[in-house]
Amino acid sequence: MYRYTFRFVVMSITILTANLLTNALGNYLVTFKNHVRPLTFTIMGMAVIVVIFYPLFAKLEEWVKSLSMKVVKKGKSMAGKYFGLILSFIACLLVLSYFYAKMWYHLDLVNILLSGNIGRYI
């Protein structure tokens, strides 16, 4: 049972992190679209995306999976097998939630939590 839960946690963190990084990079590229003619930007943008994302995708899964496994194993050593896995997963989700809220809504989740205004956003 633990093995399947561990795989789910690592894969979930990997998927969310990879999506966050690729979306952030894609959004950054789109900021240049008003500086070039539409078709020129489209062709250049597609070329840049392939040049950047191909090696990124080739290595990103490996890097994120390695990092996720280290975090989960650290949680296991600090709080026990199952409880550490759950705590590590929640900690990773909180960190990823911060960056997703920042990217999608320009919200600072830490300030919202510290000010006690979380109810206004849920």
PDB file of N, CA and C in Angstrom:
ATOM      1  N   MET A   1       0.819  -1.196   0.000  1.00  0.00           N
ATOM      2  CA  MET A   1       0.000   0.000   0.000  1.00  0.00           C
ATOM      3  C   MET A   1       0.867   1.267   0.000  1.00  0.00           C
ATOM      4  N   TYR A   2       1.904   1.255   0.819  1.00  0.00           N
ATOM      5  CA  TYR A   2       2.770   2.426   0.908  1.00  0.00           C
ATOM      6  C   TYR A   2       3.436   2.711  -0.429  1.00  0.00           C
ATOM      7  N   ARG A   3       3.859   1.675  -1.128  1.00  0.00           N
ATOM      8  CA  ARG A   3       4.542   1.856  -2.406  1.00  0.00           C
ATOM      9  C   ARG A   3       3.658   2.593  -3.416  1.00  0.00           C
ATOM     10  N   TYR A   4       2.377   2.254  -3.476  1.00  0.00           N
ATOM     11  CA  TYR A   4       1.457   2.906  -4.409  1.00  0.00           C
ATOM     12  C   TYR A   4       1.187   4.353  -3.990  1.00  0.00           C
ATOM     13  N   THR A   5       1.057   4.560  -2.694  1.00  0.00           N
ATOM     14  CA  THR A   5       0.857   5.923  -2.196  1.00  0.00           C
ATOM     15  C   THR A   5       2.087   6.773  -2.477  1.00  0.00           C
ATOM     16  N   PHE A   6       3.269   6.205  -2.265  1.00  0.00           N
ATOM     17  CA  PHE A   6       4.520   6.901  -2.533  1.00  0.00           C
ATOM     18  C   PHE A   6       4.618   7.277  -4.008  1.00  0.00           C
ATOM     19  N   ARG A   7       4.307   6.344  -4.889  1.00  0.00           N
ATOM     20  CA  ARG A   7       4.330   6.634  -6.334  1.00  0.00           C
ATOM     21  C   ARG A   7       3.349   7.744  -6.684  1.00  0.00           C
ATOM     22  N   PHE A   8       2.156   7.695  -6.110  1.00  0.00           N
ATOM     23  CA  PHE A   8       1.152   8.733  -6.381  1.00  0.00           C
ATOM     24  C   PHE A   8       1.662  10.100  -5.945  1.00  0.00           C
ATOM     25  N   VAL A   9       2.237  10.180  -4.748  1.00  0.00           N
ATOM     26  CA  VAL A   9       2.742  11.454  -4.229  1.00  0.00           C
ATOM     27  C   VAL A   9       3.851  11.991  -5.121  1.00  0.00           C
ATOM     28  N   VAL A  10       4.818  11.148  -5.450  1.00  0.00           N
ATOM     29  CA  VAL A  10       5.950  11.591  -6.278  1.00  0.00           C
ATOM     30  C   VAL A  10       5.468  12.003  -7.668  1.00  0.00           C
ATOM     31  N   MET A  11       4.581  11.227  -8.259  1.00  0.00           N
ATOM     32  CA  MET A  11       4.085  11.551  -9.604  1.00  0.00           C
ATOM     33  C   MET A  11       3.251  12.839  -9.584  1.00  0.00           C
ATOM     34  N   SER A  12       2.434  13.023  -8.562  1.00  0.00           N
ATOM     35  CA  SER A  12       1.623  14.250  -8.455  1.00  0.00           C
ATOM     36  C   SER A  12       2.500  15.487  -8.342  1.00  0.00           C
ATOM     37  N   ILE A  13       3.508  15.413  -7.495  1.00  0.00           N
ATOM     38  CA  ILE A  13       4.423  16.546  -7.326  1.00  0.00           C
ATOM     39  C   ILE A  13       5.185  16.795  -8.626  1.00  0.00           C
ATOM     40  N   THR A  14       5.593  15.744  -9.292  1.00  0.00           N
ATOM     41  CA  THR A  14       6.313  15.867 -10.557  1.00  0.00           C
ATOM     42  C   THR A  14       5.453  16.537 -11.619  1.00  0.00           C
ATOM     43  N   ILE A  15       4.220  16.092 -11.754  1.00  0.00           N
ATOM     44  CA  ILE A  15       3.305  16.655 -12.758  1.00  0.00           C
ATOM     45  C   ILE A  15       3.046  18.131 -12.478  1.00  0.00           C
ATOM     46  N   LEU A  16       2.726  18.464 -11.235  1.00  0.00           N
ATOM     47  CA  LEU A  16       2.413  19.853 -10.893  1.00  0.00           C
ATOM     48  C   LEU A  16       3.615  20.767 -11.073  1.00  0.00           C
ATOM     49  N   THR A  17       4.796  20.299 -10.696  1.00  0.00           N
ATOM     50  CA  THR A  17       5.998  21.122 -10.847  1.00  0.00           C
ATOM     51  C   THR A  17       6.357  21.316 -12.316  1.00  0.00           C
ATOM     52  N   ALA A  18       6.303  20.262 -13.096  1.00  0.00           N
ATOM     53  CA  ALA A  18       6.614  20.374 -14.519  1.00  0.00           C
ATOM     54  C   ALA A  18       5.632  21.308 -15.208  1.00  0.00           C
ATOM     55  N   ASN A  19       4.357  21.187 -14.885  1.00  0.00           N
ATOM     56  CA  ASN A  19       3.343  22.068 -15.476  1.00  0.00           C
ATOM     57  C   ASN A  19       3.580  23.518 -15.072  1.00  0.00           C
ATOM     58  N   LEU A  20       3.903  23.754 -13.813  1.00  0.00           N
ATOM     59  CA  LEU A  20       4.161  25.109 -13.340  1.00  0.00           C
ATOM     60  C   LEU A  20       5.329  25.741 -14.089  1.00  0.00           C
ATOM     61  N   LEU A  21       6.418  25.002 -14.220  1.00  0.00           N
ATOM     62  CA  LEU A  21       7.595  25.545 -14.902  1.00  0.00           C
ATOM     63  C   LEU A  21       7.340  25.792 -16.386  1.00  0.00           C
ATOM     64  N   THR A  22       6.691  24.870 -17.052  1.00  0.00           N
ATOM     65  CA  THR A  22       6.457  25.056 -18.481  1.00  0.00           C
ATOM     66  C   THR A  22       5.456  26.179 -18.730  1.00  0.00           C
ATOM     67  N   ASN A  23       4.448  26.313 -17.894  1.00  0.00           N
ATOM     68  CA  ASN A  23       3.503  27.424 -18.057  1.00  0.00           C
ATOM     69  C   ASN A  23       4.175  28.766 -17.805  1.00  0.00           C
ATOM     70  N   ALA A  24       5.005  28.837 -16.780  1.00  0.00           N
ATOM     71  CA  ALA A  24       5.705  30.091 -16.487  1.00  0.00           C
ATOM     72  C   ALA A  24       6.605  30.487 -17.653  1.00  0.00           C
ATOM     73  N   LEU A  25       7.312  29.533 -18.212  1.00  0.00           N
ATOM     74  CA  LEU A  25       8.184  29.820 -19.350  1.00  0.00           C
ATOM     75  C   LEU A  25       7.372  30.208 -20.581  1.00  0.00           C
ATOM     76  N   GLY A  26       6.274  29.508 -20.824  1.00  0.00           N
ATOM     77  CA  GLY A  26       5.397  29.848 -21.949  1.00  0.00           C
ATOM     78  C   GLY A  26       4.802  31.239 -21.811  1.00  0.00           C
ATOM     79  N   ASN A  27       4.367  31.584 -20.596  1.00  0.00           N
ATOM     80  CA  ASN A  27       3.815  32.920 -20.354  1.00  0.00           C
ATOM     81  C   ASN A  27       4.861  34.000 -20.569  1.00  0.00           C
ATOM     82  N   TYR A  28       6.089  33.715 -20.186  1.00  0.00           N
ATOM     83  CA  TYR A  28       7.166  34.675 -20.400  1.00  0.00           C
ATOM     84  C   TYR A  28       7.400  34.905 -21.888  1.00  0.00           C
ATOM     85  N   LEU A  29       7.389  33.847 -22.668  1.00  0.00           N
ATOM     86  CA  LEU A  29       7.601  33.987 -24.109  1.00  0.00           C
ATOM     87  C   LEU A  29       6.506  34.815 -24.762  1.00  0.00           C
ATOM     88  N   VAL A  30       5.275  34.654 -24.310  1.00  0.00           N
ATOM     89  CA  VAL A  30       4.145  35.362 -24.906  1.00  0.00           C
ATOM     90  C   VAL A  30       4.229  36.872 -24.654  1.00  0.00           C
ATOM     91  N   THR A  31       4.973  37.305 -23.648  1.00  0.00           N
ATOM     92  CA  THR A  31       5.086  38.741 -23.371  1.00  0.00           C
ATOM     93  C   THR A  31       5.777  39.484 -24.514  1.00  0.00           C
ATOM     94  N   PHE A  32       6.477  38.772 -25.373  1.00  0.00           N
ATOM     95  CA  PHE A  32       7.179  39.408 -26.489  1.00  0.00           C
ATOM     96  C   PHE A  32       6.356  39.463 -27.767  1.00  0.00           C
ATOM     97  N   LYS A  33       5.113  38.990 -27.747  1.00  0.00           N
ATOM     98  CA  LYS A  33       4.331  38.876 -28.972  1.00  0.00           C
ATOM     99  C   LYS A  33       3.971  40.224 -29.591  1.00  0.00           C
ATOM    100  N   ASN A  34       3.912  41.282 -28.820  1.00  0.00           N
ATOM    101  CA  ASN A  34       3.548  42.584 -29.368  1.00  0.00           C
ATOM    102  C   ASN A  34       4.727  43.309 -30.012  1.00  0.00           C
ATOM    103  N   HIS A  35       5.904  42.751 -29.921  1.00  0.00           N
ATOM    104  CA  HIS A  35       7.098  43.395 -30.464  1.00  0.00           C
ATOM    105  C   HIS A  35       7.447  42.909 -31.866  1.00  0.00           C
ATOM    106  N   VAL A  36       6.747  41.900 -32.353  1.00  0.00           N
ATOM    107  CA  VAL A  36       7.068  41.294 -33.643  1.00  0.00           C
ATOM    108  C   VAL A  36       5.759  41.055 -34.390  1.00  0.00           C
ATOM    109  N   ARG A  37       5.824  40.991 -35.687  1.00  0.00           N
ATOM    110  CA  ARG A  37       4.632  40.705 -36.496  1.00  0.00           C
ATOM    111  C   ARG A  37       4.059  39.339 -36.125  1.00  0.00           C
ATOM    112  N   PRO A  38       2.739  39.175 -36.238  1.00  0.00           N
ATOM    113  CA  PRO A  38       2.079  37.951 -35.758  1.00  0.00           C
ATOM    114  C   PRO A  38       2.650  36.638 -36.313  1.00  0.00           C
ATOM    115  N   LEU A  39       2.775  36.523 -37.636  1.00  0.00           N
ATOM    116  CA  LEU A  39       3.267  35.262 -38.187  1.00  0.00           C
ATOM    117  C   LEU A  39       4.745  35.044 -37.886  1.00  0.00           C
ATOM    118  N   THR A  40       5.514  36.124 -37.884  1.00  0.00           N
ATOM    119  CA  THR A  40       6.933  36.011 -37.530  1.00  0.00           C
ATOM    120  C   THR A  40       7.082  35.534 -36.093  1.00  0.00           C
ATOM    121  N   PHE A  41       6.281  36.130 -35.192  1.00  0.00           N
ATOM    122  CA  PHE A  41       6.338  35.713 -33.792  1.00  0.00           C
ATOM    123  C   PHE A  41       5.902  34.258 -33.628  1.00  0.00           C
ATOM    124  N   THR A  42       4.857  33.877 -34.352  1.00  0.00           N
ATOM    125  CA  THR A  42       4.366  32.500 -34.254  1.00  0.00           C
ATOM    126  C   THR A  42       5.454  31.507 -34.636  1.00  0.00           C
ATOM    127  N   ILE A  43       6.119  31.750 -35.757  1.00  0.00           N
ATOM    128  CA  ILE A  43       7.177  30.837 -36.207  1.00  0.00           C
ATOM    129  C   ILE A  43       8.369  30.870 -35.245  1.00  0.00           C
ATOM    130  N   MET A  44       8.779  32.080 -34.861  1.00  0.00           N
ATOM    131  CA  MET A  44       9.899  32.198 -33.928  1.00  0.00           C
ATOM    132  C   MET A  44       9.537  31.593 -32.566  1.00  0.00           C
ATOM    133  N   GLY A  45       8.331  31.853 -32.100  1.00  0.00           N
ATOM    134  CA  GLY A  45       7.891  31.326 -30.813  1.00  0.00           C
ATOM    135  C   GLY A  45       7.863  29.813 -30.801  1.00  0.00           C
ATOM    136  N   MET A  46       7.362  29.227 -31.877  1.00  0.00           N
ATOM    137  CA  MET A  46       7.328  27.767 -31.969  1.00  0.00           C
ATOM    138  C   MET A  46       8.741  27.190 -31.963  1.00  0.00           C
ATOM    139  N   ALA A  47       9.650  27.840 -32.673  1.00  0.00           N
ATOM    140  CA  ALA A  47      11.039  27.368 -32.708  1.00  0.00           C
ATOM    141  C   ALA A  47      11.686  27.482 -31.324  1.00  0.00           C
ATOM    142  N   VAL A  48      11.462  28.609 -30.657  1.00  0.00           N
ATOM    143  CA  VAL A  48      12.032  28.809 -29.317  1.00  0.00           C
ATOM    144  C   VAL A  48      11.451  27.794 -28.336  1.00  0.00           C
ATOM    145  N   ILE A  49      10.155  27.544 -28.437  1.00  0.00           N
ATOM    146  CA  ILE A  49       9.521  26.573 -27.545  1.00  0.00           C
ATOM    147  C   ILE A  49      10.145  25.192 -27.721  1.00  0.00           C
ATOM    148  N   VAL A  50      10.351  24.776 -28.951  1.00  0.00           N
ATOM    149  CA  VAL A  50      10.964  23.461 -29.182  1.00  0.00           C
ATOM    150  C   VAL A  50      12.397  23.443 -28.666  1.00  0.00           C
ATOM    151  N   VAL A  51      13.152  24.497 -28.957  1.00  0.00           N
ATOM    152  CA  VAL A  51      14.554  24.551 -28.528  1.00  0.00           C
ATOM    153  C   VAL A  51      14.658  24.541 -26.998  1.00  0.00           C
ATOM    154  N   ILE A  52      13.754  25.234 -26.321  1.00  0.00           N
ATOM    155  CA  ILE A  52      13.802  25.295 -24.860  1.00  0.00           C
ATOM    156  C   ILE A  52      13.156  24.069 -24.228  1.00  0.00           C
ATOM    157  N   PHE A  53      11.971  23.697 -24.691  1.00  0.00           N
ATOM    158  CA  PHE A  53      11.218  22.648 -24.014  1.00  0.00           C
ATOM    159  C   PHE A  53      11.727  21.240 -24.287  1.00  0.00           C
ATOM    160  N   TYR A  54      12.332  20.997 -25.429  1.00  0.00           N
ATOM    161  CA  TYR A  54      12.804  19.642 -25.711  1.00  0.00           C
ATOM    162  C   TYR A  54      13.807  19.165 -24.661  1.00  0.00           C
ATOM    163  N   PRO A  55      14.895  19.911 -24.446  1.00  0.00           N
ATOM    164  CA  PRO A  55      15.824  19.444 -23.401  1.00  0.00           C
ATOM    165  C   PRO A  55      15.217  19.553 -22.000  1.00  0.00           C
ATOM    166  N   LEU A  56      14.353  20.550 -21.813  1.00  0.00           N
ATOM    167  CA  LEU A  56      13.715  20.711 -20.511  1.00  0.00           C
ATOM    168  C   LEU A  56      12.864  19.491 -20.180  1.00  0.00           C
ATOM    169  N   PHE A  57      12.033  19.053 -21.105  1.00  0.00           N
ATOM    170  CA  PHE A  57      11.210  17.873 -20.877  1.00  0.00           C
ATOM    171  C   PHE A  57      12.068  16.619 -20.739  1.00  0.00           C
ATOM    172  N   ALA A  58      13.154  16.578 -21.481  1.00  0.00           N
ATOM    173  CA  ALA A  58      14.024  15.402 -21.409  1.00  0.00           C
ATOM    174  C   ALA A  58      14.628  15.252 -20.010  1.00  0.00           C
ATOM    175  N   LYS A  59      14.966  16.343 -19.360  1.00  0.00           N
ATOM    176  CA  LYS A  59      15.606  16.295 -18.045  1.00  0.00           C
ATOM    177  C   LYS A  59      14.675  16.628 -16.889  1.00  0.00           C
ATOM    178  N   LEU A  60      13.621  17.391 -17.144  1.00  0.00           N
ATOM    179  CA  LEU A  60      12.772  17.888 -16.065  1.00  0.00           C
ATOM    180  C   LEU A  60      12.152  16.768 -15.248  1.00  0.00           C
ATOM    181  N   GLU A  61      11.628  15.767 -15.917  1.00  0.00           N
ATOM    182  CA  GLU A  61      10.995  14.671 -15.179  1.00  0.00           C
ATOM    183  C   GLU A  61      12.010  14.003 -14.258  1.00  0.00           C
ATOM    184  N   GLU A  62      13.203  13.800 -14.754  1.00  0.00           N
ATOM    185  CA  GLU A  62      14.252  13.170 -13.952  1.00  0.00           C
ATOM    186  C   GLU A  62      14.612  14.035 -12.739  1.00  0.00           C
ATOM    187  N   TRP A  63      14.790  15.345 -12.949  1.00  0.00           N
ATOM    188  CA  TRP A  63      15.161  16.248 -11.864  1.00  0.00           C
ATOM    189  C   TRP A  63      14.064  16.350 -10.808  1.00  0.00           C
ATOM    190  N   VAL A  64      12.835  16.554 -11.281  1.00  0.00           N
ATOM    191  CA  VAL A  64      11.728  16.747 -10.348  1.00  0.00           C
ATOM    192  C   VAL A  64      11.438  15.453  -9.591  1.00  0.00           C
ATOM    193  N   LYS A  65      11.495  14.335 -10.277  1.00  0.00           N
ATOM    194  CA  LYS A  65      11.255  13.058  -9.599  1.00  0.00           C
ATOM    195  C   LYS A  65      12.320  12.826  -8.535  1.00  0.00           C
ATOM    196  N   SER A  66      13.568  13.138  -8.847  1.00  0.00           N
ATOM    197  CA  SER A  66      14.655  12.980  -7.876  1.00  0.00           C
ATOM    198  C   SER A  66      14.437  13.891  -6.679  1.00  0.00           C
ATOM    199  N   LEU A  67      14.090  15.146  -6.929  1.00  0.00           N
ATOM    200  CA  LEU A  67      13.836  16.095  -5.846  1.00  0.00           C
ATOM    201  C   LEU A  67      12.633  15.664  -5.009  1.00  0.00           C
ATOM    202  N   SER A  68      11.562  15.234  -5.666  1.00  0.00           N
ATOM    203  CA  SER A  68      10.369  14.788  -4.951  1.00  0.00           C
ATOM    204  C   SER A  68      10.684  13.601  -4.054  1.00  0.00           C
ATOM    205  N   MET A  69      11.450  12.670  -4.563  1.00  0.00           N
ATOM    206  CA  MET A  69      11.794  11.497  -3.772  1.00  0.00           C
ATOM    207  C   MET A  69      12.642  11.875  -2.568  1.00  0.00           C
ATOM    208  N   LYS A  70      13.543  12.841  -2.727  1.00  0.00           N
ATOM    209  CA  LYS A  70      14.359  13.293  -1.601  1.00  0.00           C
ATOM    210  C   LYS A  70      13.493  13.941  -0.528  1.00  0.00           C
ATOM    211  N   VAL A  71      12.548  14.792  -0.961  1.00  0.00           N
ATOM    212  CA  VAL A  71      11.660  15.462  -0.002  1.00  0.00           C
ATOM    213  C   VAL A  71      10.813  14.444   0.743  1.00  0.00           C
ATOM    214  N   VAL A  72      10.243  13.499   0.014  1.00  0.00           N
ATOM    215  CA  VAL A  72       9.387  12.489   0.643  1.00  0.00           C
ATOM    216  C   VAL A  72      10.197  11.608   1.581  1.00  0.00           C
ATOM    217  N   LYS A  73      11.399  11.224   1.190  1.00  0.00           N
ATOM    218  CA  LYS A  73      12.236  10.401   2.064  1.00  0.00           C
ATOM    219  C   LYS A  73      12.661  11.172   3.310  1.00  0.00           C
ATOM    220  N   LYS A  74      12.907  12.473   3.166  1.00  0.00           N
ATOM    221  CA  LYS A  74      13.258  13.300   4.321  1.00  0.00           C
ATOM    222  C   LYS A  74      12.083  13.356   5.292  1.00  0.00           C
ATOM    223  N   GLY A  75      10.883  13.504   4.763  1.00  0.00           N
ATOM    224  CA  GLY A  75       9.694  13.493   5.605  1.00  0.00           C
ATOM    225  C   GLY A  75       9.522  12.167   6.310  1.00  0.00           C
ATOM    226  N   LYS A  76       9.831  11.089   5.628  1.00  0.00           N
ATOM    227  CA  LYS A  76       9.736   9.747   6.218  1.00  0.00           C
ATOM    228  C   LYS A  76      10.701   9.617   7.385  1.00  0.00           C
ATOM    229  N   SER A  77      11.914  10.127   7.225  1.00  0.00           N
ATOM    230  CA  SER A  77      12.903  10.004   8.296  1.00  0.00           C
ATOM    231  C   SER A  77      12.576  10.907   9.481  1.00  0.00           C
ATOM    232  N   MET A  78      11.841  11.986   9.233  1.00  0.00           N
ATOM    233  CA  MET A  78      11.522  12.926  10.318  1.00  0.00           C
ATOM    234  C   MET A  78      10.244  12.551  11.064  1.00  0.00           C
ATOM    235  N   ALA A  79       9.250  12.023  10.386  1.00  0.00           N
ATOM    236  CA  ALA A  79       7.947  11.823  11.022  1.00  0.00           C
ATOM    237  C   ALA A  79       7.394  10.417  10.860  1.00  0.00           C
ATOM    238  N   GLY A  80       8.180   9.495  10.386  1.00  0.00           N
ATOM    239  CA  GLY A  80       7.681   8.141  10.217  1.00  0.00           C
ATOM    240  C   GLY A  80       7.243   7.892   8.787  1.00  0.00           C
ATOM    241  N   LYS A  81       6.960   6.646   8.514  1.00  0.00           N
ATOM    242  CA  LYS A  81       6.704   6.224   7.143  1.00  0.00           C
ATOM    243  C   LYS A  81       5.470   6.885   6.539  1.00  0.00           C
ATOM    244  N   TYR A  82       4.298   6.649   7.092  1.00  0.00           N
ATOM    245  CA  TYR A  82       3.062   7.166   6.503  1.00  0.00           C
ATOM    246  C   TYR A  82       2.831   8.638   6.840  1.00  0.00           C
ATOM    247  N   PHE A  83       3.037   8.995   8.097  1.00  0.00           N
ATOM    248  CA  PHE A  83       2.808  10.381   8.502  1.00  0.00           C
ATOM    249  C   PHE A  83       3.794  11.323   7.806  1.00  0.00           C
ATOM    250  N   GLY A  84       5.027  10.889   7.661  1.00  0.00           N
ATOM    251  CA  GLY A  84       6.027  11.690   6.958  1.00  0.00           C
ATOM    252  C   GLY A  84       5.680  11.866   5.496  1.00  0.00           C
ATOM    253  N   LEU A  85       5.147  10.810   4.884  1.00  0.00           N
ATOM    254  CA  LEU A  85       4.720  10.900   3.485  1.00  0.00           C
ATOM    255  C   LEU A  85       3.594  11.914   3.327  1.00  0.00           C
ATOM    256  N   ILE A  86       2.626  11.855   4.218  1.00  0.00           N
ATOM    257  CA  ILE A  86       1.493  12.795   4.170  1.00  0.00           C
ATOM    258  C   ILE A  86       1.963  14.219   4.423  1.00  0.00           C
ATOM    259  N   LEU A  87       2.831  14.415   5.423  1.00  0.00           N
ATOM    260  CA  LEU A  87       3.345  15.758   5.714  1.00  0.00           C
ATOM    261  C   LEU A  87       4.166  16.312   4.550  1.00  0.00           C
ATOM    262  N   SER A  88       4.996  15.475   3.951  1.00  0.00           N
ATOM    263  CA  SER A  88       5.796  15.911   2.800  1.00  0.00           C
ATOM    264  C   SER A  88       4.899  16.308   1.639  1.00  0.00           C
ATOM    265  N   PHE A  89       3.861  15.521   1.388  1.00  0.00           N
ATOM    266  CA  PHE A  89       2.928  15.799   0.303  1.00  0.00           C
ATOM    267  C   PHE A  89       2.204  17.125   0.548  1.00  0.00           C
ATOM    268  N   ILE A  90       1.741  17.340   1.768  1.00  0.00           N
ATOM    269  CA  ILE A  90       1.042  18.582   2.099  1.00  0.00           C
ATOM    270  C   ILE A  90       1.992  19.769   1.973  1.00  0.00           C
ATOM    271  N   ALA A  91       3.232  19.618   2.441  1.00  0.00           N
ATOM    272  CA  ALA A  91       4.212  20.705   2.332  1.00  0.00           C
ATOM    273  C   ALA A  91       4.488  21.045   0.866  1.00  0.00           C
ATOM    274  N   CYS A  92       4.662  20.031   0.035  1.00  0.00           N
ATOM    275  CA  CYS A  92       4.904  20.266  -1.393  1.00  0.00           C
ATOM    276  C   CYS A  92       3.692  20.921  -2.046  1.00  0.00           C
ATOM    277  N   LEU A  93       2.498  20.474  -1.694  1.00  0.00           N
ATOM    278  CA  LEU A  93       1.280  21.090  -2.251  1.00  0.00           C
ATOM    279  C   LEU A  93       1.147  22.546  -1.831  1.00  0.00           C
ATOM    280  N   LEU A  94       1.525  22.865  -0.599  1.00  0.00           N
ATOM    281  CA  LEU A  94       1.472  24.260  -0.150  1.00  0.00           C
ATOM    282  C   LEU A  94       2.452  25.130  -0.933  1.00  0.00           C
ATOM    283  N   VAL A  95       3.660  24.630  -1.138  1.00  0.00           N
ATOM    284  CA  VAL A  95       4.654  25.390  -1.909  1.00  0.00           C
ATOM    285  C   VAL A  95       4.174  25.574  -3.346  1.00  0.00           C
ATOM    286  N   LEU A  96       3.684  24.504  -3.960  1.00  0.00           N
ATOM    287  CA  LEU A  96       3.189  24.598  -5.335  1.00  0.00           C
ATOM    288  C   LEU A  96       1.954  25.499  -5.404  1.00  0.00           C
ATOM    289  N   SER A  97       1.093  25.447  -4.394  1.00  0.00           N
ATOM    290  CA  SER A  97      -0.089  26.317  -4.365  1.00  0.00           C
ATOM    291  C   SER A  97       0.309  27.782  -4.334  1.00  0.00           C
ATOM    292  N   TYR A  98       1.365  28.090  -3.591  1.00  0.00           N
ATOM    293  CA  TYR A  98       1.861  29.464  -3.545  1.00  0.00           C
ATOM    294  C   TYR A  98       2.223  29.943  -4.953  1.00  0.00           C
ATOM    295  N   PHE A  99       2.992  29.126  -5.679  1.00  0.00           N
ATOM    296  CA  PHE A  99       3.434  29.539  -7.003  1.00  0.00           C
ATOM    297  C   PHE A  99       2.301  29.553  -8.028  1.00  0.00           C
ATOM    298  N   TYR A 100       1.356  28.603  -7.937  1.00  0.00           N
ATOM    299  CA  TYR A 100       0.206  28.619  -8.840  1.00  0.00           C
ATOM    300  C   TYR A 100      -0.679  29.850  -8.569  1.00  0.00           C
ATOM    301  N   ALA A 101      -0.934  30.173  -7.310  1.00  0.00           N
ATOM    302  CA  ALA A 101      -1.744  31.355  -6.978  1.00  0.00           C
ATOM    303  C   ALA A 101      -1.049  32.628  -7.456  1.00  0.00           C
ATOM    304  N   LYS A 102       0.264  32.657  -7.334  1.00  0.00           N
ATOM    305  CA  LYS A 102       1.044  33.812  -7.796  1.00  0.00           C
ATOM    306  C   LYS A 102       0.953  33.929  -9.320  1.00  0.00           C
ATOM    307  N   MET A 103       1.072  32.807 -10.026  1.00  0.00           N
ATOM    308  CA  MET A 103       1.064  32.819 -11.487  1.00  0.00           C
ATOM    309  C   MET A 103      -0.334  33.104 -12.033  1.00  0.00           C
ATOM    310  N   TRP A 104      -1.365  32.447 -11.506  1.00  0.00           N
ATOM    311  CA  TRP A 104      -2.710  32.572 -12.058  1.00  0.00           C
ATOM    312  C   TRP A 104      -3.442  33.823 -11.601  1.00  0.00           C
ATOM    313  N   TYR A 105      -3.287  34.215 -10.330  1.00  0.00           N
ATOM    314  CA  TYR A 105      -4.085  35.321  -9.782  1.00  0.00           C
ATOM    315  C   TYR A 105      -3.254  36.449  -9.187  1.00  0.00           C
ATOM    316  N   HIS A 106      -1.936  36.333  -9.250  1.00  0.00           N
ATOM    317  CA  HIS A 106      -1.038  37.335  -8.685  1.00  0.00           C
ATOM    318  C   HIS A 106      -1.321  37.549  -7.197  1.00  0.00           C
ATOM    319  N   LEU A 107      -1.581  36.450  -6.494  1.00  0.00           N
ATOM    320  CA  LEU A 107      -1.844  36.481  -5.060  1.00  0.00           C
ATOM    321  C   LEU A 107      -0.626  35.967  -4.303  1.00  0.00           C
ATOM    322  N   ASP A 108      -0.367  36.581  -3.153  1.00  0.00           N
ATOM    323  CA  ASP A 108       0.700  36.120  -2.275  1.00  0.00           C
ATOM    324  C   ASP A 108       0.065  35.278  -1.173  1.00  0.00           C
ATOM    325  N   LEU A 109       0.108  33.978  -1.328  1.00  0.00           N
ATOM    326  CA  LEU A 109      -0.558  33.051  -0.427  1.00  0.00           C
ATOM    327  C   LEU A 109      -0.033  33.161   0.996  1.00  0.00           C
ATOM    328  N   VAL A 110       1.250  33.438   1.158  1.00  0.00           N
ATOM    329  CA  VAL A 110       1.830  33.563   2.499  1.00  0.00           C
ATOM    330  C   VAL A 110       1.199  34.742   3.232  1.00  0.00           C
ATOM    331  N   ASN A 111       1.098  35.896   2.569  1.00  0.00           N
ATOM    332  CA  ASN A 111       0.468  37.065   3.205  1.00  0.00           C
ATOM    333  C   ASN A 111      -1.000  36.820   3.512  1.00  0.00           C
ATOM    334  N   ILE A 112      -1.683  36.112   2.627  1.00  0.00           N
ATOM    335  CA  ILE A 112      -3.093  35.807   2.854  1.00  0.00           C
ATOM    336  C   ILE A 112      -3.245  34.918   4.078  1.00  0.00           C
ATOM    337  N   LEU A 113      -2.404  33.904   4.181  1.00  0.00           N
ATOM    338  CA  LEU A 113      -2.466  33.004   5.334  1.00  0.00           C
ATOM    339  C   LEU A 113      -2.104  33.717   6.631  1.00  0.00           C
ATOM    340  N   LEU A 114      -1.054  34.539   6.599  1.00  0.00           N
ATOM    341  CA  LEU A 114      -0.622  35.246   7.804  1.00  0.00           C
ATOM    342  C   LEU A 114      -1.624  36.306   8.250  1.00  0.00           C
ATOM    343  N   SER A 115      -2.317  36.930   7.312  1.00  0.00           N
ATOM    344  CA  SER A 115      -3.296  37.960   7.668  1.00  0.00           C
ATOM    345  C   SER A 115      -4.633  37.366   8.103  1.00  0.00           C
ATOM    346  N   GLY A 116      -4.822  36.078   7.858  1.00  0.00           N
ATOM    347  CA  GLY A 116      -6.054  35.429   8.279  1.00  0.00           C
ATOM    348  C   GLY A 116      -7.225  35.660   7.330  1.00  0.00           C
ATOM    349  N   ASN A 117      -6.946  36.113   6.125  1.00  0.00           N
ATOM    350  CA  ASN A 117      -8.002  36.405   5.144  1.00  0.00           C
ATOM    351  C   ASN A 117      -8.247  35.248   4.193  1.00  0.00           C
ATOM    352  N   ILE A 118      -7.863  34.055   4.547  1.00  0.00           N
ATOM    353  CA  ILE A 118      -7.986  32.909   3.633  1.00  0.00           C
ATOM    354  C   ILE A 118      -9.446  32.649   3.274  1.00  0.00           C
ATOM    355  N   GLY A 119     -10.365  32.964   4.163  1.00  0.00           N
ATOM    356  CA  GLY A 119     -11.791  32.741   3.903  1.00  0.00           C
ATOM    357  C   GLY A 119     -12.325  33.534   2.715  1.00  0.00           C
ATOM    358  N   ARG A 120     -11.732  34.685   2.448  1.00  0.00           N
ATOM    359  CA  ARG A 120     -12.172  35.502   1.314  1.00  0.00           C
ATOM    360  C   ARG A 120     -11.789  34.887  -0.027  1.00  0.00           C
ATOM    361  N   TYR A 121     -10.814  33.993  -0.017  1.00  0.00           N
ATOM    362  CA  TYR A 121     -10.281  33.445  -1.258  1.00  0.00           C
ATOM    363  C   TYR A 121     -10.709  32.006  -1.533  1.00  0.00           C
ATOM    364  N   ILE A 122     -11.293  31.368  -0.556  1.00  0.00           N
ATOM    365  CA  ILE A 122     -11.686  29.958  -0.737  1.00  0.00           C
ATOM    366  C   ILE A 122     -13.129  29.886  -1.189  1.00  0.00           C
TER     367      ILE A 122
END
